[in-house]
Amino acid sequence: HRAMKVVAPHGGGLKVPADVSVTFTVGIGPRSEGGFISIDLAVSLPGVPRAEAEALVAKATTLPLFQRNPRGNVDVRLTVV
């Protein structure tokens, strides 16, 4: 959620709620696309309209700290819940 706090001030004044939560599930095993790891992130931003929450999450994924994906072989899927 730190990445969302970094980009939020640049998104028209949107504030990340204090009760934000990110739940992740890691899958390990061969994938048809190659690689062995998949990560599912479910982001909850209570009180934030869905379209704004999705835009905030998408913007957060552009930060370098999120882009560090070893050799591009980790499948990361994001869902706003």
PDB file of N, CA and C in Angstrom:
ATOM      1  N   HIS A   1       0.799  -1.190   0.000  1.00  0.00           N
ATOM      2  CA  HIS A   1       0.000   0.000   0.000  1.00  0.00           C
ATOM      3  C   HIS A   1       0.846   1.259   0.000  1.00  0.00           C
ATOM      4  N   ARG A   2       2.125   1.139   0.267  1.00  0.00           N
ATOM      5  CA  ARG A   2       3.011   2.311   0.242  1.00  0.00           C
ATOM      6  C   ARG A   2       3.075   2.925  -1.145  1.00  0.00           C
ATOM      7  N   ALA A   3       3.080   2.078  -2.176  1.00  0.00           N
ATOM      8  CA  ALA A   3       3.126   2.604  -3.544  1.00  0.00           C
ATOM      9  C   ALA A   3       1.897   3.451  -3.819  1.00  0.00           C
ATOM     10  N   MET A   4       0.737   3.037  -3.323  1.00  0.00           N
ATOM     11  CA  MET A   4      -0.484   3.819  -3.541  1.00  0.00           C
ATOM     12  C   MET A   4      -0.391   5.157  -2.820  1.00  0.00           C
ATOM     13  N   LYS A   5       0.223   5.184  -1.640  1.00  0.00           N
ATOM     14  CA  LYS A   5       0.373   6.444  -0.908  1.00  0.00           C
ATOM     15  C   LYS A   5       1.321   7.387  -1.628  1.00  0.00           C
ATOM     16  N   VAL A   6       2.278   6.846  -2.355  1.00  0.00           N
ATOM     17  CA  VAL A   6       3.219   7.673  -3.107  1.00  0.00           C
ATOM     18  C   VAL A   6       2.522   8.336  -4.283  1.00  0.00           C
ATOM     19  N   VAL A   7       1.699   7.590  -5.012  1.00  0.00           N
ATOM     20  CA  VAL A   7       1.081   8.138  -6.221  1.00  0.00           C
ATOM     21  C   VAL A   7      -0.223   8.876  -5.952  1.00  0.00           C
ATOM     22  N   ALA A   8      -0.882   8.649  -4.830  1.00  0.00           N
ATOM     23  CA  ALA A   8      -2.193   9.253  -4.548  1.00  0.00           C
ATOM     24  C   ALA A   8      -2.187  10.781  -4.620  1.00  0.00           C
ATOM     25  N   PRO A   9      -1.198  11.467  -4.054  1.00  0.00           N
ATOM     26  CA  PRO A   9      -1.233  12.932  -4.113  1.00  0.00           C
ATOM     27  C   PRO A   9      -1.193  13.484  -5.540  1.00  0.00           C
ATOM     28  N   HIS A  10      -0.743  12.689  -6.480  1.00  0.00           N
ATOM     29  CA  HIS A  10      -0.643  13.128  -7.872  1.00  0.00           C
ATOM     30  C   HIS A  10      -1.883  12.747  -8.670  1.00  0.00           C
ATOM     31  N   GLY A  11      -2.889  12.229  -8.017  1.00  0.00           N
ATOM     32  CA  GLY A  11      -4.097  11.777  -8.696  1.00  0.00           C
ATOM     33  C   GLY A  11      -5.314  12.610  -8.355  1.00  0.00           C
ATOM     34  N   GLY A  12      -5.150  13.922  -8.257  1.00  0.00           N
ATOM     35  CA  GLY A  12      -6.285  14.786  -8.005  1.00  0.00           C
ATOM     36  C   GLY A  12      -6.700  14.861  -6.550  1.00  0.00           C
ATOM     37  N   GLY A  13      -5.777  14.633  -5.632  1.00  0.00           N
ATOM     38  CA  GLY A  13      -6.083  14.777  -4.222  1.00  0.00           C
ATOM     39  C   GLY A  13      -6.682  13.552  -3.564  1.00  0.00           C
ATOM     40  N   LEU A  14      -6.698  12.435  -4.254  1.00  0.00           N
ATOM     41  CA  LEU A  14      -7.237  11.210  -3.680  1.00  0.00           C
ATOM     42  C   LEU A  14      -6.373  10.780  -2.499  1.00  0.00           C
ATOM     43  N   LYS A  15      -7.027  10.432  -1.402  1.00  0.00           N
ATOM     44  CA  LYS A  15      -6.301   9.968  -0.221  1.00  0.00           C
ATOM     45  C   LYS A  15      -6.529   8.477  -0.042  1.00  0.00           C
ATOM     46  N   VAL A  16      -5.476   7.787   0.336  1.00  0.00           N
ATOM     47  CA  VAL A  16      -5.560   6.358   0.607  1.00  0.00           C
ATOM     48  C   VAL A  16      -6.137   6.205   2.007  1.00  0.00           C
ATOM     49  N   PRO A  17      -7.258   5.474   2.146  1.00  0.00           N
ATOM     50  CA  PRO A  17      -7.859   5.326   3.466  1.00  0.00           C
ATOM     51  C   PRO A  17      -6.941   4.575   4.427  1.00  0.00           C
ATOM     52  N   ALA A  18      -7.104   4.869   5.720  1.00  0.00           N
ATOM     53  CA  ALA A  18      -6.272   4.231   6.744  1.00  0.00           C
ATOM     54  C   ALA A  18      -6.499   2.729   6.802  1.00  0.00           C
ATOM     55  N   ASP A  19      -7.704   2.288   6.418  1.00  0.00           N
ATOM     56  CA  ASP A  19      -8.011   0.857   6.509  1.00  0.00           C
ATOM     57  C   ASP A  19      -7.819   0.113   5.185  1.00  0.00           C
ATOM     58  N   VAL A  20      -6.917   0.642   4.344  1.00  0.00           N
ATOM     59  CA  VAL A  20      -6.578  -0.054   3.102  1.00  0.00           C
ATOM     60  C   VAL A  20      -6.016  -1.427   3.447  1.00  0.00           C
ATOM     61  N   SER A  21      -6.305  -2.404   2.595  1.00  0.00           N
ATOM     62  CA  SER A  21      -5.704  -3.723   2.814  1.00  0.00           C
ATOM     63  C   SER A  21      -5.320  -4.336   1.476  1.00  0.00           C
ATOM     64  N   VAL A  22      -4.261  -5.089   1.511  1.00  0.00           N
ATOM     65  CA  VAL A  22      -3.796  -5.826   0.341  1.00  0.00           C
ATOM     66  C   VAL A  22      -3.597  -7.268   0.786  1.00  0.00           C
ATOM     67  N   THR A  23      -4.340  -8.155   0.146  1.00  0.00           N
ATOM     68  CA  THR A  23      -4.213  -9.579   0.432  1.00  0.00           C
ATOM     69  C   THR A  23      -3.532 -10.219  -0.757  1.00  0.00           C
ATOM     70  N   PHE A  24      -2.539 -11.034  -0.498  1.00  0.00           N
ATOM     71  CA  PHE A  24      -1.856 -11.666  -1.623  1.00  0.00           C
ATOM     72  C   PHE A  24      -1.833 -13.176  -1.466  1.00  0.00           C
ATOM     73  N   THR A  25      -1.857 -13.816  -2.621  1.00  0.00           N
ATOM     74  CA  THR A  25      -1.770 -15.265  -2.695  1.00  0.00           C
ATOM     75  C   THR A  25      -0.637 -15.595  -3.655  1.00  0.00           C
ATOM     76  N   VAL A  26       0.254 -16.457  -3.238  1.00  0.00           N
ATOM     77  CA  VAL A  26       1.395 -16.844  -4.070  1.00  0.00           C
ATOM     78  C   VAL A  26       1.207 -18.280  -4.528  1.00  0.00           C
ATOM     79  N   GLY A  27       1.332 -18.477  -5.830  1.00  0.00           N
ATOM     80  CA  GLY A  27       1.266 -19.819  -6.388  1.00  0.00           C
ATOM     81  C   GLY A  27       2.650 -20.245  -6.848  1.00  0.00           C
ATOM     82  N   ILE A  28       3.010 -21.469  -6.561  1.00  0.00           N
ATOM     83  CA  ILE A  28       4.320 -21.986  -6.954  1.00  0.00           C
ATOM     84  C   ILE A  28       4.112 -23.271  -7.740  1.00  0.00           C
ATOM     85  N   GLY A  29       4.719 -23.325  -8.908  1.00  0.00           N
ATOM     86  CA  GLY A  29       4.611 -24.499  -9.759  1.00  0.00           C
ATOM     87  C   GLY A  29       4.739 -24.079 -11.207  1.00  0.00           C
ATOM     88  N   PRO A  30       5.027 -24.997 -12.099  1.00  0.00           N
ATOM     89  CA  PRO A  30       5.204 -24.649 -13.515  1.00  0.00           C
ATOM     90  C   PRO A  30       3.961 -23.978 -14.084  1.00  0.00           C
ATOM     91  N   ARG A  31       4.189 -22.918 -14.868  1.00  0.00           N
ATOM     92  CA  ARG A  31       3.107 -22.212 -15.543  1.00  0.00           C
ATOM     93  C   ARG A  31       3.236 -22.426 -17.031  1.00  0.00           C
ATOM     94  N   SER A  32       2.130 -22.454 -17.736  1.00  0.00           N
ATOM     95  CA  SER A  32       2.165 -22.681 -19.188  1.00  0.00           C
ATOM     96  C   SER A  32       2.907 -21.558 -19.910  1.00  0.00           C
ATOM     97  N   GLU A  33       2.900 -20.346 -19.328  1.00  0.00           N
ATOM     98  CA  GLU A  33       3.584 -19.208 -19.942  1.00  0.00           C
ATOM     99  C   GLU A  33       5.073 -19.187 -19.624  1.00  0.00           C
ATOM    100  N   GLY A  34       5.538 -20.110 -18.817  1.00  0.00           N
ATOM    101  CA  GLY A  34       6.923 -20.126 -18.362  1.00  0.00           C
ATOM    102  C   GLY A  34       7.000 -19.584 -16.949  1.00  0.00           C
ATOM    103  N   GLY A  35       8.030 -19.925 -16.267  1.00  0.00           N
ATOM    104  CA  GLY A  35       8.196 -19.486 -14.889  1.00  0.00           C
ATOM    105  C   GLY A  35       7.481 -20.409 -13.919  1.00  0.00           C
ATOM    106  N   PHE A  36       7.621 -20.101 -12.652  1.00  0.00           N
ATOM    107  CA  PHE A  36       7.086 -20.975 -11.612  1.00  0.00           C
ATOM    108  C   PHE A  36       6.263 -20.252 -10.554  1.00  0.00           C
ATOM    109  N   ILE A  37       6.226 -18.922 -10.590  1.00  0.00           N
ATOM    110  CA  ILE A  37       5.569 -18.190  -9.520  1.00  0.00           C
ATOM    111  C   ILE A  37       4.477 -17.288 -10.083  1.00  0.00           C
ATOM    112  N   SER A  38       3.329 -17.284  -9.395  1.00  0.00           N
ATOM    113  CA  SER A  38       2.275 -16.329  -9.710  1.00  0.00           C
ATOM    114  C   SER A  38       1.856 -15.656  -8.408  1.00  0.00           C
ATOM    115  N   ILE A  39       1.492 -14.393  -8.522  1.00  0.00           N
ATOM    116  CA  ILE A  39       1.081 -13.627  -7.355  1.00  0.00           C
ATOM    117  C   ILE A  39      -0.232 -12.929  -7.677  1.00  0.00           C
ATOM    118  N   ASP A  40      -1.225 -13.140  -6.833  1.00  0.00           N
ATOM    119  CA  ASP A  40      -2.509 -12.457  -6.953  1.00  0.00           C
ATOM    120  C   ASP A  40      -2.612 -11.457  -5.814  1.00  0.00           C
ATOM    121  N   LEU A  41      -2.856 -10.195  -6.152  1.00  0.00           N
ATOM    122  CA  LEU A  41      -3.018  -9.146  -5.155  1.00  0.00           C
ATOM    123  C   LEU A  41      -4.454  -8.654  -5.198  1.00  0.00           C
ATOM    124  N   ALA A  42      -5.140  -8.704  -4.062  1.00  0.00           N
ATOM    125  CA  ALA A  42      -6.501  -8.191  -3.939  1.00  0.00           C
ATOM    126  C   ALA A  42      -6.426  -6.942  -3.069  1.00  0.00           C
ATOM    127  N   VAL A  43      -6.752  -5.792  -3.655  1.00  0.00           N
ATOM    128  CA  VAL A  43      -6.616  -4.509  -2.976  1.00  0.00           C
ATOM    129  C   VAL A  43      -7.993  -3.991  -2.570  1.00  0.00           C
ATOM    130  N   SER A  44      -8.128  -3.632  -1.303  1.00  0.00           N
ATOM    131  CA  SER A  44      -9.374  -3.064  -0.789  1.00  0.00           C
ATOM    132  C   SER A  44      -9.111  -1.632  -0.349  1.00  0.00           C
ATOM    133  N   LEU A  45      -9.854  -0.697  -0.940  1.00  0.00           N
ATOM    134  CA  LEU A  45      -9.751   0.719  -0.586  1.00  0.00           C
ATOM    135  C   LEU A  45     -11.142   1.192  -0.169  1.00  0.00           C
ATOM    136  N   PRO A  46     -11.552   0.900   1.069  1.00  0.00           N
ATOM    137  CA  PRO A  46     -12.895   1.253   1.519  1.00  0.00           C
ATOM    138  C   PRO A  46     -13.193   2.744   1.360  1.00  0.00           C
ATOM    139  N   GLY A  47     -14.376   3.035   0.816  1.00  0.00           N
ATOM    140  CA  GLY A  47     -14.803   4.420   0.659  1.00  0.00           C
ATOM    141  C   GLY A  47     -14.315   5.097  -0.600  1.00  0.00           C
ATOM    142  N   VAL A  48     -13.458   4.435  -1.371  1.00  0.00           N
ATOM    143  CA  VAL A  48     -12.946   5.014  -2.614  1.00  0.00           C
ATOM    144  C   VAL A  48     -13.764   4.425  -3.762  1.00  0.00           C
ATOM    145  N   PRO A  49     -14.335   5.289  -4.613  1.00  0.00           N
ATOM    146  CA  PRO A  49     -15.094   4.769  -5.750  1.00  0.00           C
ATOM    147  C   PRO A  49     -14.244   3.808  -6.584  1.00  0.00           C
ATOM    148  N   ARG A  50     -14.881   2.752  -7.080  1.00  0.00           N
ATOM    149  CA  ARG A  50     -14.164   1.678  -7.775  1.00  0.00           C
ATOM    150  C   ARG A  50     -13.267   2.196  -8.907  1.00  0.00           C
ATOM    151  N   ALA A  51     -13.772   3.070  -9.746  1.00  0.00           N
ATOM    152  CA  ALA A  51     -12.970   3.574 -10.870  1.00  0.00           C
ATOM    153  C   ALA A  51     -11.716   4.291 -10.371  1.00  0.00           C
ATOM    154  N   GLU A  52     -11.856   5.082  -9.306  1.00  0.00           N
ATOM    155  CA  GLU A  52     -10.697   5.778  -8.747  1.00  0.00           C
ATOM    156  C   GLU A  52      -9.725   4.794  -8.107  1.00  0.00           C
ATOM    157  N   ALA A  53     -10.256   3.778  -7.435  1.00  0.00           N
ATOM    158  CA  ALA A  53      -9.398   2.766  -6.805  1.00  0.00           C
ATOM    159  C   ALA A  53      -8.609   2.009  -7.868  1.00  0.00           C
ATOM    160  N   GLU A  54      -9.282   1.621  -8.948  1.00  0.00           N
ATOM    161  CA  GLU A  54      -8.588   0.898 -10.025  1.00  0.00           C
ATOM    162  C   GLU A  54      -7.517   1.768 -10.664  1.00  0.00           C
ATOM    163  N   ALA A  55      -7.804   3.058 -10.864  1.00  0.00           N
ATOM    164  CA  ALA A  55      -6.813   3.966 -11.446  1.00  0.00           C
ATOM    165  C   ALA A  55      -5.617   4.126 -10.518  1.00  0.00           C
ATOM    166  N   LEU A  56      -5.873   4.229  -9.218  1.00  0.00           N
ATOM    167  CA  LEU A  56      -4.795   4.368  -8.244  1.00  0.00           C
ATOM    168  C   LEU A  56      -3.909   3.132  -8.211  1.00  0.00           C
ATOM    169  N   VAL A  57      -4.524   1.955  -8.216  1.00  0.00           N
ATOM    170  CA  VAL A  57      -3.763   0.705  -8.208  1.00  0.00           C
ATOM    171  C   VAL A  57      -2.936   0.586  -9.482  1.00  0.00           C
ATOM    172  N   ALA A  58      -3.535   0.917 -10.621  1.00  0.00           N
ATOM    173  CA  ALA A  58      -2.805   0.845 -11.895  1.00  0.00           C
ATOM    174  C   ALA A  58      -1.614   1.798 -11.890  1.00  0.00           C
ATOM    175  N   LYS A  59      -1.810   2.997 -11.367  1.00  0.00           N
ATOM    176  CA  LYS A  59      -0.717   3.967 -11.324  1.00  0.00           C
ATOM    177  C   LYS A  59       0.397   3.499 -10.388  1.00  0.00           C
ATOM    178  N   ALA A  60       0.026   2.886  -9.277  1.00  0.00           N
ATOM    179  CA  ALA A  60       1.026   2.404  -8.316  1.00  0.00           C
ATOM    180  C   ALA A  60       1.923   1.336  -8.931  1.00  0.00           C
ATOM    181  N   THR A  61       1.388   0.561  -9.858  1.00  0.00           N
ATOM    182  CA  THR A  61       2.183  -0.514 -10.465  1.00  0.00           C
ATOM    183  C   THR A  61       3.237   0.006 -11.431  1.00  0.00           C
ATOM    184  N   THR A  62       3.219   1.304 -11.738  1.00  0.00           N
ATOM    185  CA  THR A  62       4.230   1.863 -12.639  1.00  0.00           C
ATOM    186  C   THR A  62       5.496   2.270 -11.909  1.00  0.00           C
ATOM    187  N   LEU A  63       5.457   2.265 -10.580  1.00  0.00           N
ATOM    188  CA  LEU A  63       6.634   2.652  -9.803  1.00  0.00           C
ATOM    189  C   LEU A  63       7.723   1.589  -9.894  1.00  0.00           C
ATOM    190  N   PRO A  64       8.981   2.017  -9.894  1.00  0.00           N
ATOM    191  CA  PRO A  64      10.083   1.055  -9.997  1.00  0.00           C
ATOM    192  C   PRO A  64      10.056  -0.033  -8.925  1.00  0.00           C
ATOM    193  N   LEU A  65       9.625   0.284  -7.705  1.00  0.00           N
ATOM    194  CA  LEU A  65       9.634  -0.741  -6.659  1.00  0.00           C
ATOM    195  C   LEU A  65       8.676  -1.879  -6.991  1.00  0.00           C
ATOM    196  N   PHE A  66       7.637  -1.610  -7.776  1.00  0.00           N
ATOM    197  CA  PHE A  66       6.704  -2.654  -8.176  1.00  0.00           C
ATOM    198  C   PHE A  66       7.202  -3.365  -9.432  1.00  0.00           C
ATOM    199  N   GLN A  67       7.968  -2.686 -10.242  1.00  0.00           N
ATOM    200  CA  GLN A  67       8.406  -3.218 -11.530  1.00  0.00           C
ATOM    201  C   GLN A  67       9.527  -4.249 -11.411  1.00  0.00           C
ATOM    202  N   ARG A  68      10.090  -4.406 -10.249  1.00  0.00           N
ATOM    203  CA  ARG A  68      11.176  -5.383 -10.085  1.00  0.00           C
ATOM    204  C   ARG A  68      10.605  -6.787 -10.112  1.00  0.00           C
ATOM    205  N   ASN A  69      10.534  -7.326 -11.275  1.00  0.00           N
ATOM    206  CA  ASN A  69       9.974  -8.657 -11.500  1.00  0.00           C
ATOM    207  C   ASN A  69      11.107  -9.510 -12.052  1.00  0.00           C
ATOM    208  N   PRO A  70      11.648 -10.412 -11.255  1.00  0.00           N
ATOM    209  CA  PRO A  70      12.817 -11.178 -11.684  1.00  0.00           C
ATOM    210  C   PRO A  70      12.638 -11.823 -13.062  1.00  0.00           C
ATOM    211  N   ARG A  71      13.407 -11.344 -14.006  1.00  0.00           N
ATOM    212  CA  ARG A  71      13.426 -11.900 -15.363  1.00  0.00           C
ATOM    213  C   ARG A  71      12.052 -11.922 -16.029  1.00  0.00           C
ATOM    214  N   GLY A  72      11.095 -11.195 -15.509  1.00  0.00           N
ATOM    215  CA  GLY A  72       9.771 -11.136 -16.115  1.00  0.00           C
ATOM    216  C   GLY A  72       8.997 -12.438 -16.045  1.00  0.00           C
ATOM    217  N   ASN A  73       9.414 -13.358 -15.198  1.00  0.00           N
ATOM    218  CA  ASN A  73       8.758 -14.667 -15.178  1.00  0.00           C
ATOM    219  C   ASN A  73       7.833 -14.864 -13.987  1.00  0.00           C
ATOM    220  N   VAL A  74       7.458 -13.775 -13.315  1.00  0.00           N
ATOM    221  CA  VAL A  74       6.490 -13.853 -12.233  1.00  0.00           C
ATOM    222  C   VAL A  74       5.214 -13.214 -12.732  1.00  0.00           C
ATOM    223  N   ASP A  75       4.142 -13.978 -12.752  1.00  0.00           N
ATOM    224  CA  ASP A  75       2.846 -13.490 -13.201  1.00  0.00           C
ATOM    225  C   ASP A  75       2.169 -12.780 -12.039  1.00  0.00           C
ATOM    226  N   VAL A  76       1.950 -11.464 -12.152  1.00  0.00           N
ATOM    227  CA  VAL A  76       1.304 -10.693 -11.098  1.00  0.00           C
ATOM    228  C   VAL A  76      -0.063 -10.226 -11.599  1.00  0.00           C
ATOM    229  N   ARG A  77      -1.104 -10.582 -10.844  1.00  0.00           N
ATOM    230  CA  ARG A  77      -2.471 -10.190 -11.205  1.00  0.00           C
ATOM    231  C   ARG A  77      -3.040  -9.332 -10.077  1.00  0.00           C
ATOM    232  N   LEU A  78      -3.663  -8.207 -10.448  1.00  0.00           N
ATOM    233  CA  LEU A  78      -4.240  -7.283  -9.481  1.00  0.00           C
ATOM    234  C   LEU A  78      -5.749  -7.255  -9.602  1.00  0.00           C
ATOM    235  N   THR A  79      -6.419  -7.187  -8.454  1.00  0.00           N
ATOM    236  CA  THR A  79      -7.877  -7.070  -8.420  1.00  0.00           C
ATOM    237  C   THR A  79      -8.239  -6.057  -7.352  1.00  0.00           C
ATOM    238  N   VAL A  80      -9.130  -5.129  -7.682  1.00  0.00           N
ATOM    239  CA  VAL A  80      -9.670  -4.224  -6.677  1.00  0.00           C
ATOM    240  C   VAL A  80     -10.961  -4.841  -6.163  1.00  0.00           C
ATOM    241  N   VAL A  81     -11.036  -5.033  -4.855  1.00  0.00           N
ATOM    242  CA  VAL A  81     -12.221  -5.659  -4.263  1.00  0.00           C
ATOM    243  C   VAL A  81     -12.992  -4.669  -3.415  1.00  0.00           C
TER     244      VAL A  81
END
